[in-house]
Amino acid sequence: MSEYGATSHQRRYQSQKEVEKTKIKTKEKRKFELPHVLLMMLMMMMFACILTYIIPAGEFDTTKSGEIVQGTYHAISQNPVNPFYAITLILNGGIQSAQTVTLLLFVGGAIGGILQLDSVTKLTNYMIYKFEHAGALPLIIGLFSLMAFIGFFVGGDQMIVFVTLGVILAKRLKLDPIIALAMTFLPLYMAFSVSPSGMAKIGQIVYPEVALYSGYGGRAIMYVVFLLVTMLYVVWYARRVIKNPNKSLMNTTSWQKHMTQSSNDEMNIQDRLINWRDVVVVSLVIFTPIILAVGNGMLKWTEKYGNGVFITVFGISFVIAYLVKRKRSGEMVDGFLAGAKPMLVVAFAIIMANTISVILEKGKILSTIVNGLTTQLDGSSAGVVSILIFLVASVFNFLVPSGSGLMSVMVPILQPVTHTLGVNDQLLLTSLSFGGGLGNLITPTLGATVGAIAIAKANFSSWFKFMAPLFLIWIIVGSFILYVFTSVGWTGGI
């Protein structure tokens, strides 16, 4: 064999060994990845079944109108839910989440369809090119602020479709999916949790003894405090990853491969050339939710027309975008279907998350859990009680990740207790809003949370590592706010 042939053979052998080593390393890394989001939800359903065998069953007496009567909790015979029966309850979970899933698919199809056009990508590339001297942080702060503004007025599972915008920006900036979620999903749900037009409004609808939109000024102050704290945390993490990509909490094999491929991409000049049509399309993406926010807040659209107004407004924007881009009707339909496709996993996750609540209700253990948590409030000062309600709601939200559901279950039980301990209804609703809203961002039982993570191609483990320190900060900040507002006797006057 010639010297050249031997050298060539040796190189091929070394190359094969390197490929084999890479495959082995890849397999080792994959062992530590979490299962698919739908498998996680199925495991959560089975865990809920186990709880129905362990936790004693019980219930409260109710009035003719269905309100729970405080102090009437009593044990009943065990009513466990077996795994076979639990699977059949997916239909019940689907019925409960029918409105949410319908909104998600139609609104997701409309927004996703608009994003199928190249206008958003082009403008994103243009902004990166134009402001590259300023760095990525101005773009991150800008999108975060826009989402927080929208979340102040509008919330709901259908809003996770905006995660796609964060993915586009994070991809162009060579950043990770955690930042994509932190720019969109995080500010949307944080803002809705603490704003006067969000969770507090839901509580005032469920509990009409408190005037709708009362306490607007006080809750606006709370919103600003949470906004600043959350933005600083996101900026800190973003700077950390920009400075050293190895500091990213996303360490899955698939994302590392994606990062390697993205780093080799070069921005073509044509990819950042925009015209008036692109500006109109991007304006529709930005201003459509703002129009909805104003319409819902000032013109009471949802009170007059129901949540179907979301489908109407986003649908109109979708049609205008495709007409402006001179697309045919067939391309319009294809774009809508392509936009709705990523929402399918989210829709299934939401249905299965609702099924968990159905399992706990069928097993008659929700009342037992609520009674056990709320009886710990007796004997505490007013300020401490408001903080404890915040923490109790955060725990209970893991079982019932629904704002209206949490309010309707806990307000009738807690209200007599909080009145005797000096906590008024405004602070009760605020404490429940904090716990039930902010807790949604870290609970794996909320379909929107796991759905947003799926859209961003992230994983729950990495997201939880990112959110855990922030949630602890929220607990400290929220507890301080509740204690101060309780101490000064805030009743919603501002």
Foldseek 3Di string as FASTA:
>chain_A
DDPVVVVVVVVVVVVVVVVVVVVVVQVVLVVPADDALLVVLLVLLQVLLVVLVPFFFWDADADPVGAGAAPRIDTDHFQGDHSVNLVVLLVVLCVVCVVQLVLQLLLLLLLQLLVVDLLLQQQLVQVCVVCVVVPLLVVLLVLQVLQLVLLLQDDGLSQLSCLLSLLSNCLLNLAALLSSCLSHVVSNLLNLLQALNHLLQLLCVLVVVDPHSFLRVVSVVVSVVLSVLSSVLSSVQVVVCSVPVVSALFDRPVVVVSSVVSVPDDDDPVSNDDDPLSVLSVCLVRCLSVVVSCCCPPVVCCVVPNPCVSSVSSVVSSVVSCVSVVHDPVSSVVSSCSSSVLCPQLSSLSSSLSSLLVSNVSRNRLNVLLVVLQVVLPPDALLVSLLSLLVSLLVSCLRVLDSNVSSSRNCSHCVVVNVVRQHDPSSNSSSNSNNSRVSNCLHSSHSSNSSSCVSSVGGSVSSNVSCVVVVVVSSVSVSVSSNVCSVVPDDRND
